[in-house]
Amino acid sequence: MEHHRRNVVSQLWYRPANDVGFAVKDVTAHISCRVCDGPLTEYLSLGEQPLANAFLKPSDLTAPEFRVPLTIALCQSCGLSQLTVVVNPERLYRNYPFCAGVSNGWQQHCEDLATEYTRQHHSQRFVLDIGANDGTLLDAFERHGHRVLGIDPSPVLNGHSVPILPLFWTTEHAEQIAERHGKADLIVTTNVVGHVDDVLGFLKGITTALDRYGIAIIECPHIMPLLYMNAFDTIYHEHLSYWSLGPMRKACEQVGLAVFDCKPQAIHGGTMRYYLCHARMAHLTENMVGLWKREQESDLKRMAPYQEFAARVRNLRPKLQEAFSKDGLYGWGASAKGNVLLNYVGATLPAVFDEAPTKQGMLTPGTRIPVAALPDDLSHVDNLALLSWNNARELKAKAKARKFTGHFLTAIPQPKWEAA
């Protein structure tokens, strides 16, 4: 781990002109690959942006906002894309409004995972969820008869009774949990590894807390949907790394783990599920061979596909600006990706509707658009921009159930209008 700490500069290298009173280490430069220490080559900048989940209170309307560059770079040694800055996780996650359980698709995803695991391994296993959020996943495992425990620095109370420790995951905490609760039969971490700076330390914690015959499941977006769907809005300061199988395997090998299987998932617009075990227990599957072949064919260690993606994103901006200038357009889904999109476009909307109580009554970061509860009657709304495009089917159904008869705008991969 020491090589990584030497190569990520722990100093304030950028301070916005309107930034007053922030901690010295709120922003650090990231100058070499967090997996292999290789050099980084930038390929896309989305400009200075606020933190995508830093919603504002109405009383904060006149206060300056924390903004930093949002730039992504490639390590051509291992193929990992990563941001060129790291924002202090205390700033990112201690007051975190994201609530996974409001999505019906996420609830079903969690139930399917718990059902699959229980069918293969029976019940009464110890399941540990790193990044448990509102406990939706653990609740599904508990219903299947498992003993569960969650880890999350900013747990969201959402009616679930599952135990969640308010901690950042570290090797030290992994040792303490293993000593007090026993080693885990299953460790799950969904949409978390991409958020972690010290990824080797994070994975070492999994090695420490995982039972000898245990399995770890990592879910995170795969780089290829981002590149080929123009999904630039999934790039934001929480997402430090953008993974594929090659760098994932390399990172795991350094801490005594092995990736033995992988399965694509439809959730979040395209997610890869990696199955890990202790290296001495590893065996490969046909899924691994197939994904490895596709990644090799896509030249994910060369700059060409990333430069082509960046050019498409730049060309897309004026089309998006035109689409978001349409009269009577409201937002639907105050998601992080939606906030990146709104800031990149510079959009101004009357309101963004969202079902998460933690966001309602707030203002979107940067664009400062009011976030409102979804009305029971949408017949007065002419147009809705689906800012959480990965949940488009669910969002459309809910809008239509509330008498929406206008047009939907889907921005990614190209602006598209569709009648309700």
Protein backbone atom coordinates (compact mmCIF):
# COMPACT_ATOMS: atom_id res chain seq x y z
CA MET A 1 0.00 0.00 0.00
CA GLU A 2 2.90 2.39 0.55
CA HIS A 3 3.60 2.80 -3.18
CA HIS A 4 0.08 4.15 -3.69
CA ARG A 5 0.31 6.67 -0.87
CA ARG A 6 3.55 8.06 -2.27
CA ASN A 7 2.05 8.66 -5.69
CA VAL A 8 -1.20 10.35 -4.71
CA VAL A 9 -0.18 13.85 -3.69
CA SER A 10 -1.71 14.66 -0.29
CA GLN A 11 -1.78 18.41 -0.71
CA LEU A 12 -4.21 21.12 -1.67
CA TRP A 13 -3.44 21.70 -5.33
CA TYR A 14 -6.57 23.60 -6.36
CA ARG A 15 -8.79 26.02 -4.49
CA PRO A 16 -11.75 27.72 -6.24
CA ALA A 17 -11.82 31.49 -5.94
CA ASN A 18 -15.16 31.38 -4.12
CA ASP A 19 -14.12 28.61 -1.73
CA VAL A 20 -14.02 29.93 1.83
CA GLY A 21 -12.97 27.99 4.92
CA PHE A 22 -12.67 24.47 3.52
CA ALA A 23 -10.23 21.98 5.02
CA VAL A 24 -6.70 21.89 3.64
CA LYS A 25 -7.07 18.35 2.30
CA ASP A 26 -10.53 18.67 0.75
CA VAL A 27 -9.01 18.19 -2.72
CA THR A 28 -5.89 16.24 -3.71
CA ALA A 29 -4.31 15.63 -7.09
CA HIS A 30 -4.32 12.07 -8.36
CA ILE A 31 -1.22 11.70 -10.52
CA SER A 32 -0.70 7.93 -11.00
CA CYS A 33 -2.83 4.80 -11.27
CA ARG A 34 -4.29 3.57 -7.98
CA VAL A 35 -3.89 -0.05 -9.14
CA CYS A 36 -0.48 -0.21 -10.86
CA ASP A 37 1.15 3.22 -10.38
CA GLY A 38 1.19 3.79 -14.15
CA PRO A 39 1.05 7.32 -15.61
CA LEU A 40 -2.33 8.89 -16.44
CA THR A 41 -3.40 10.49 -19.73
CA GLU A 42 -6.41 12.82 -19.64
CA TYR A 43 -9.11 12.37 -22.29
CA LEU A 44 -12.23 14.30 -21.18
CA SER A 45 -12.94 17.35 -19.06
CA LEU A 46 -16.47 18.31 -18.01
CA GLY A 47 -15.24 21.60 -16.55
CA GLU A 48 -15.52 22.74 -12.96
CA GLN A 49 -18.53 21.10 -11.33
CA PRO A 50 -20.08 21.00 -7.86
CA LEU A 51 -20.31 17.68 -6.05
CA ALA A 52 -23.17 15.83 -7.72
CA ASN A 53 -24.96 15.00 -4.45
CA ALA A 54 -24.25 18.28 -2.64
CA PHE A 55 -27.85 19.51 -2.67
CA LEU A 56 -28.40 22.96 -1.21
CA LYS A 57 -30.87 24.16 1.37
CA PRO A 58 -32.92 27.21 0.33
CA SER A 59 -31.11 29.14 3.07
CA ASP A 60 -27.81 28.39 1.28
CA LEU A 61 -28.91 30.03 -1.95
CA THR A 62 -26.48 32.94 -1.67
CA ALA A 63 -23.57 30.91 -0.31
CA PRO A 64 -20.59 29.96 -2.51
CA GLU A 65 -20.49 26.38 -3.77
CA PHE A 66 -17.59 23.96 -3.64
CA ARG A 67 -16.53 23.28 -7.25
CA VAL A 68 -13.55 21.38 -8.59
CA PRO A 69 -12.45 20.19 -12.05
CA LEU A 70 -14.15 17.04 -13.31
CA THR A 71 -11.57 15.38 -15.58
CA ILE A 72 -11.07 11.70 -16.41
CA ALA A 73 -7.83 10.02 -17.46
CA LEU A 74 -6.62 6.58 -18.57
CA CYS A 75 -3.81 4.40 -17.27
CA GLN A 76 -2.55 2.69 -20.42
CA SER A 77 -0.59 0.20 -18.31
CA CYS A 78 -3.61 -1.59 -16.81
CA GLY A 79 -6.59 0.07 -18.54
CA LEU A 80 -8.22 1.73 -15.52
CA SER A 81 -9.92 5.08 -16.12
CA GLN A 82 -9.87 7.41 -13.12
CA LEU A 83 -10.45 11.01 -12.11
CA THR A 84 -7.52 13.38 -11.80
CA VAL A 85 -8.74 14.69 -8.42
CA VAL A 86 -9.84 13.10 -5.16
CA VAL A 87 -12.29 14.92 -2.91
CA ASN A 88 -12.11 14.20 0.81
CA PRO A 89 -14.65 11.41 1.51
CA GLU A 90 -15.72 13.20 4.69
CA ARG A 91 -17.02 15.99 2.46
CA LEU A 92 -18.63 13.57 0.00
CA TYR A 93 -20.35 11.06 2.27
CA ARG A 94 -21.02 12.29 5.79
CA ASN A 95 -24.26 13.97 4.64
CA TYR A 96 -25.26 11.78 1.73
CA PRO A 97 -28.85 12.12 0.40
CA PHE A 98 -28.86 9.09 -1.92
CA CYS A 99 -31.56 6.58 -1.01
CA ALA A 100 -31.40 3.39 -3.07
CA GLY A 101 -34.64 1.86 -1.85
CA VAL A 102 -36.95 4.33 -3.62
CA SER A 103 -36.26 2.47 -6.89
CA ASN A 104 -38.48 -0.55 -7.58
CA GLY A 105 -35.78 -1.82 -9.93
CA TRP A 106 -33.19 -1.75 -7.15
CA GLN A 107 -35.52 -3.57 -4.74
CA GLN A 108 -36.00 -6.33 -7.31
CA HIS A 109 -32.27 -6.47 -8.02
CA CYS A 110 -31.57 -7.02 -4.32
CA GLU A 111 -34.24 -9.69 -4.02
CA ASP A 112 -32.89 -11.53 -7.07
CA LEU A 113 -29.35 -11.51 -5.66
CA ALA A 114 -30.48 -12.79 -2.26
CA THR A 115 -32.58 -15.51 -3.90
CA GLU A 116 -29.72 -16.62 -6.17
CA TYR A 117 -27.22 -16.83 -3.31
CA THR A 118 -29.62 -18.65 -0.98
CA ARG A 119 -30.52 -21.18 -3.65
CA GLN A 120 -26.83 -22.04 -4.09
CA HIS A 121 -25.59 -21.77 -0.48
CA HIS A 122 -28.73 -22.20 1.67
CA SER A 123 -29.60 -19.88 4.55
CA GLN A 124 -28.02 -19.08 7.92
CA ARG A 125 -24.94 -17.50 6.36
CA PHE A 126 -23.21 -14.36 7.59
CA VAL A 127 -23.67 -11.62 4.96
CA LEU A 128 -21.71 -8.36 5.16
CA ASP A 129 -22.71 -5.39 2.97
CA ILE A 130 -20.11 -2.64 2.51
CA GLY A 131 -21.88 0.56 1.52
CA ALA A 132 -25.25 -0.60 2.84
CA ASN A 133 -27.01 2.76 2.30
CA ASP A 134 -30.64 2.30 3.41
CA GLY A 135 -30.35 -1.44 4.09
CA THR A 136 -32.49 -2.61 1.14
CA LEU A 137 -30.03 -5.34 0.15
CA LEU A 138 -29.48 -6.57 3.70
CA ASP A 139 -33.23 -6.60 4.29
CA ALA A 140 -33.61 -8.99 1.34
CA PHE A 141 -30.93 -11.32 2.73
CA GLU A 142 -32.43 -11.20 6.21
CA ARG A 143 -35.82 -12.26 4.82
CA HIS A 144 -34.04 -15.28 3.35
CA GLY A 145 -32.80 -16.30 6.81
CA HIS A 146 -29.26 -14.92 6.83
CA ARG A 147 -27.41 -13.10 9.59
CA VAL A 148 -26.57 -9.64 8.24
CA LEU A 149 -24.45 -6.61 9.00
CA GLY A 150 -23.94 -3.39 7.06
CA ILE A 151 -21.14 -0.84 6.87
CA ASP A 152 -21.83 2.70 5.71
CA PRO A 153 -20.38 6.07 6.78
CA SER A 154 -23.75 7.76 6.21
CA PRO A 155 -26.53 5.17 6.57
CA VAL A 156 -29.99 6.26 5.43
CA LEU A 157 -32.81 5.28 7.78
CA ASN A 158 -35.58 3.98 5.56
CA GLY A 159 -37.74 1.71 7.68
CA HIS A 160 -35.37 -1.27 7.65
CA SER A 161 -34.30 -2.77 10.98
CA VAL A 162 -31.03 -4.31 9.80
CA PRO A 163 -27.85 -3.41 11.75
CA ILE A 164 -25.56 -0.90 10.00
CA LEU A 165 -22.31 0.41 11.49
CA PRO A 166 -21.61 4.09 10.57
CA LEU A 167 -18.02 3.54 9.45
CA PHE A 168 -15.74 3.89 6.45
CA TRP A 169 -14.47 0.43 5.45
CA THR A 170 -10.83 -0.14 6.44
CA THR A 171 -8.62 -3.16 7.12
CA GLU A 172 -8.66 -2.29 10.80
CA HIS A 173 -12.46 -2.30 10.90
CA ALA A 174 -12.46 -5.55 8.92
CA GLU A 175 -10.28 -7.16 11.59
CA GLN A 176 -12.56 -5.91 14.37
CA ILE A 177 -15.70 -7.17 12.63
CA ALA A 178 -14.15 -10.57 11.95
CA GLU A 179 -13.10 -10.88 15.61
CA ARG A 180 -16.48 -9.84 17.00
CA HIS A 181 -18.91 -11.32 14.45
CA GLY A 182 -16.86 -14.02 12.72
CA LYS A 183 -15.67 -14.06 9.15
CA ALA A 184 -18.28 -13.46 6.47
CA ASP A 185 -19.58 -16.18 4.17
CA LEU A 186 -20.60 -13.47 1.69
CA ILE A 187 -19.35 -9.92 1.35
CA VAL A 188 -21.29 -7.69 -1.03
CA THR A 189 -20.36 -4.21 -2.14
CA THR A 190 -22.52 -2.58 -4.80
CA ASN A 191 -21.51 0.65 -6.53
CA VAL A 192 -18.83 1.33 -3.92
CA VAL A 193 -15.45 0.20 -5.32
CA GLY A 194 -15.61 2.92 -7.97
CA HIS A 195 -15.86 5.46 -5.12
CA VAL A 196 -12.73 4.31 -3.29
CA ASP A 197 -9.32 6.00 -3.54
CA ASP A 198 -7.25 3.41 -1.67
CA VAL A 199 -8.76 0.52 -3.57
CA LEU A 200 -6.02 -1.94 -2.64
CA GLY A 201 -6.61 -1.22 1.05
CA PHE A 202 -10.35 -1.63 0.51
CA LEU A 203 -9.86 -5.02 -1.14
CA LYS A 204 -7.37 -6.05 1.56
CA GLY A 205 -10.16 -5.46 4.07
CA ILE A 206 -12.33 -7.89 2.11
CA THR A 207 -9.52 -10.46 2.18
CA THR A 208 -9.29 -10.02 5.95
CA ALA A 209 -13.03 -10.36 6.69
CA LEU A 210 -13.87 -13.12 4.18
CA ASP A 211 -14.18 -16.72 5.33
CA ARG A 212 -11.78 -19.24 3.84
CA TYR A 213 -14.52 -20.64 1.60
CA GLY A 214 -16.42 -17.37 1.30
CA ILE A 215 -17.41 -15.35 -1.75
CA ALA A 216 -17.26 -11.61 -2.31
CA ILE A 217 -19.46 -9.88 -4.87
CA ILE A 218 -18.47 -6.54 -6.32
CA GLU A 219 -20.88 -4.64 -8.54
CA CYS A 220 -19.77 -1.53 -10.41
CA PRO A 221 -20.36 0.06 -13.81
CA HIS A 222 -18.27 -1.36 -16.64
CA ILE A 223 -16.34 1.11 -18.78
CA MET A 224 -17.75 -0.08 -22.12
CA PRO A 225 -21.37 1.13 -21.66
CA LEU A 226 -19.98 4.50 -20.59
CA LEU A 227 -17.91 4.75 -23.76
CA TYR A 228 -20.41 3.42 -26.28
CA MET A 229 -23.59 4.97 -24.83
CA ASN A 230 -22.03 8.45 -24.43
CA ALA A 231 -22.86 8.09 -20.71
CA PHE A 232 -20.64 10.98 -19.60
CA ASP A 233 -23.18 11.84 -16.90
CA THR A 234 -22.00 8.82 -14.90
CA ILE A 235 -18.67 10.64 -14.45
CA TYR A 236 -18.70 12.60 -11.20
CA HIS A 237 -16.48 13.24 -8.19
CA GLU A 238 -17.76 10.25 -6.21
CA HIS A 239 -16.82 7.90 -9.06
CA LEU A 240 -13.04 7.89 -8.80
CA SER A 241 -12.48 4.78 -10.98
CA TYR A 242 -14.21 3.26 -14.04
CA TRP A 243 -13.58 -0.45 -14.09
CA SER A 244 -13.16 -3.31 -16.50
CA LEU A 245 -12.06 -6.90 -15.90
CA GLY A 246 -8.36 -6.30 -16.58
CA PRO A 247 -7.65 -3.79 -13.80
CA MET A 248 -10.10 -5.53 -11.46
CA ARG A 249 -8.13 -8.78 -11.76
CA LYS A 250 -4.82 -6.96 -11.30
CA ALA A 251 -6.03 -5.21 -8.15
CA CYS A 252 -7.43 -8.41 -6.63
CA GLU A 253 -4.25 -10.37 -7.32
CA GLN A 254 -2.25 -7.89 -5.22
CA VAL A 255 -4.30 -8.65 -2.08
CA GLY A 256 -4.71 -12.43 -2.38
CA LEU A 257 -8.11 -12.45 -4.10
CA ALA A 258 -9.15 -13.79 -7.49
CA VAL A 259 -12.03 -12.94 -9.83
CA PHE A 260 -13.54 -16.30 -10.79
CA ASP A 261 -16.81 -15.25 -12.47
CA CYS A 262 -18.60 -12.20 -13.83
CA LYS A 263 -22.15 -11.48 -14.97
CA PRO A 264 -23.51 -8.30 -16.59
CA GLN A 265 -26.48 -6.69 -14.84
CA ALA A 266 -29.03 -4.28 -16.31
CA ILE A 267 -29.27 -2.19 -13.14
CA HIS A 268 -27.97 1.43 -13.21
CA GLY A 269 -27.75 1.45 -16.99
CA GLY A 270 -25.15 -1.30 -17.21
CA THR A 271 -23.32 -2.91 -14.29
CA MET A 272 -20.84 -5.77 -14.06
CA ARG A 273 -21.04 -8.20 -11.17
CA TYR A 274 -17.65 -9.71 -10.26
CA TYR A 275 -17.43 -12.84 -8.07
CA LEU A 276 -14.30 -13.04 -5.92
CA CYS A 277 -12.74 -15.65 -3.64
CA HIS A 278 -9.42 -16.24 -1.95
CA ALA A 279 -6.81 -16.84 -4.66
CA ARG A 280 -6.03 -20.38 -3.53
CA MET A 281 -9.69 -21.37 -4.10
CA ALA A 282 -10.01 -19.85 -7.58
CA HIS A 283 -11.25 -21.40 -10.79
CA LEU A 284 -12.23 -19.67 -14.03
CA THR A 285 -15.59 -19.70 -15.81
CA GLU A 286 -16.65 -19.27 -19.43
CA ASN A 287 -18.08 -15.85 -18.53
CA MET A 288 -14.59 -14.68 -17.60
CA VAL A 289 -13.11 -15.90 -20.88
CA GLY A 290 -15.85 -14.20 -22.90
CA LEU A 291 -15.53 -10.83 -21.14
CA TRP A 292 -11.75 -10.92 -21.37
CA LYS A 293 -11.98 -11.52 -25.12
CA ARG A 294 -14.43 -8.61 -25.62
CA GLU A 295 -12.18 -6.27 -23.66
CA GLN A 296 -9.14 -7.26 -25.71
CA GLU A 297 -11.07 -6.65 -28.93
CA SER A 298 -12.12 -3.21 -27.66
CA ASP A 299 -8.52 -2.04 -27.10
CA LEU A 300 -9.29 -0.76 -23.61
CA LYS A 301 -5.62 0.00 -22.93
CA ARG A 302 -5.28 2.27 -25.98
CA MET A 303 -6.34 5.91 -26.12
CA ALA A 304 -8.34 5.69 -29.36
CA PRO A 305 -11.75 4.56 -27.98
CA TYR A 306 -11.53 7.13 -25.17
CA GLN A 307 -10.62 9.99 -27.49
CA GLU A 308 -13.51 9.05 -29.78
CA PHE A 309 -15.85 9.05 -26.78
CA ALA A 310 -14.62 12.48 -25.68
CA ALA A 311 -15.21 13.91 -29.18
CA ARG A 312 -18.79 12.58 -29.21
CA VAL A 313 -19.48 14.14 -25.79
CA ARG A 314 -18.21 17.54 -26.94
CA ASN A 315 -20.34 17.33 -30.10
CA LEU A 316 -23.36 16.31 -28.03
CA ARG A 317 -23.39 19.43 -25.86
CA PRO A 318 -25.08 21.88 -28.28
CA LYS A 319 -27.77 19.28 -29.06
CA LEU A 320 -28.47 18.87 -25.36
CA GLN A 321 -28.58 22.62 -24.81
CA GLU A 322 -31.19 22.93 -27.54
CA ALA A 323 -33.29 20.08 -26.08
CA PHE A 324 -33.21 21.50 -22.54
CA SER A 325 -34.29 24.93 -23.74
CA LYS A 326 -37.76 23.61 -24.65
CA ASP A 327 -40.65 25.41 -22.93
CA GLY A 328 -42.52 23.66 -20.14
CA LEU A 329 -39.72 21.17 -19.42
CA TYR A 330 -39.42 19.73 -15.90
CA GLY A 331 -36.87 17.22 -14.60
CA TRP A 332 -37.78 13.76 -13.27
CA GLY A 333 -35.22 12.11 -11.00
CA ALA A 334 -32.81 14.34 -9.03
CA SER A 335 -29.96 11.89 -9.50
CA ALA A 336 -26.23 12.51 -9.42
CA LYS A 337 -25.99 11.75 -13.13
CA GLY A 338 -28.81 14.21 -13.73
CA ASN A 339 -26.93 16.93 -11.86
CA VAL A 340 -23.78 16.35 -13.93
CA LEU A 341 -25.88 16.58 -17.09
CA LEU A 342 -27.67 19.76 -15.97
CA ASN A 343 -24.39 21.46 -15.08
CA TYR A 344 -22.68 20.41 -18.33
CA VAL A 345 -25.63 21.75 -20.32
CA GLY A 346 -26.23 24.80 -18.12
CA ALA A 347 -29.94 24.00 -17.95
CA THR A 348 -32.57 26.01 -16.08
CA LEU A 349 -35.79 24.17 -15.20
CA PRO A 350 -38.80 25.17 -13.06
CA ALA A 351 -38.31 22.09 -10.86
CA VAL A 352 -36.97 18.55 -10.70
CA PHE A 353 -39.31 15.93 -9.26
CA ASP A 354 -37.92 13.20 -7.01
CA GLU A 355 -39.35 10.61 -4.62
CA ALA A 356 -36.50 10.70 -2.09
CA PRO A 357 -37.62 12.67 1.00
CA THR A 358 -33.98 13.58 1.70
CA LYS A 359 -33.86 15.62 -1.55
CA GLN A 360 -37.30 17.21 -1.56
CA GLY A 361 -37.27 20.90 -0.64
CA MET A 362 -33.58 21.17 -1.57
CA LEU A 363 -31.90 22.80 -4.59
CA THR A 364 -29.82 20.94 -7.17
CA PRO A 365 -26.08 21.64 -6.89
CA GLY A 366 -24.74 24.18 -9.34
CA THR A 367 -27.93 24.79 -11.29
CA ARG A 368 -29.94 25.46 -8.08
CA ILE A 369 -33.21 24.05 -9.39
CA PRO A 370 -35.88 23.31 -6.73
CA VAL A 371 -36.42 19.61 -5.99
CA ALA A 372 -40.09 18.77 -5.41
CA ALA A 373 -42.11 15.69 -4.56
CA LEU A 374 -43.74 14.05 -7.56
CA PRO A 375 -47.28 15.51 -7.81
CA ASP A 376 -50.28 13.20 -7.86
CA ASP A 377 -51.48 15.01 -10.98
CA LEU A 378 -49.01 15.76 -13.80
CA SER A 379 -51.60 16.75 -16.38
CA HIS A 380 -50.37 20.37 -16.24
CA VAL A 381 -46.76 19.39 -17.16
CA ASP A 382 -45.94 19.54 -20.89
CA ASN A 383 -42.53 17.83 -20.91
CA LEU A 384 -40.43 15.68 -18.59
CA ALA A 385 -36.66 15.15 -18.84
CA LEU A 386 -35.78 11.67 -17.54
CA LEU A 387 -32.61 12.57 -15.65
CA SER A 388 -32.27 9.04 -14.24
CA TRP A 389 -32.35 7.53 -17.73
CA ASN A 390 -31.26 4.13 -16.43
CA ASN A 391 -34.66 3.92 -14.71
CA ALA A 392 -36.57 5.29 -17.71
CA ARG A 393 -39.19 2.52 -17.85
CA GLU A 394 -40.07 2.90 -14.17
CA LEU A 395 -40.11 6.71 -14.36
CA LYS A 396 -42.37 6.70 -17.42
CA ALA A 397 -44.82 4.32 -15.77
CA LYS A 398 -45.06 6.44 -12.64
CA ALA A 399 -45.56 9.63 -14.65
CA LYS A 400 -48.29 8.10 -16.81
CA ALA A 401 -50.05 6.84 -13.66
CA ARG A 402 -50.20 10.50 -12.59
CA LYS A 403 -51.97 11.63 -15.78
CA PHE A 404 -48.89 12.81 -17.67
CA THR A 405 -49.75 13.10 -21.37
CA GLY A 406 -46.87 15.24 -22.63
CA HIS A 407 -43.46 14.25 -24.02
CA PHE A 408 -40.50 12.56 -22.37
CA LEU A 409 -36.93 13.68 -23.08
CA THR A 410 -34.16 11.09 -22.78
CA ALA A 411 -30.74 12.75 -23.12
CA ILE A 412 -28.40 9.75 -23.40
CA PRO A 413 -26.97 8.53 -25.76
CA GLN A 414 -28.62 11.23 -27.93
CA PRO A 415 -31.50 13.63 -27.14
CA LYS A 416 -34.74 11.81 -27.93
CA TRP A 417 -38.35 12.95 -27.53
CA GLU A 418 -41.15 10.45 -27.03
CA ALA A 419 -44.88 10.95 -26.51
CA ALA A 420 -46.32 9.57 -23.28
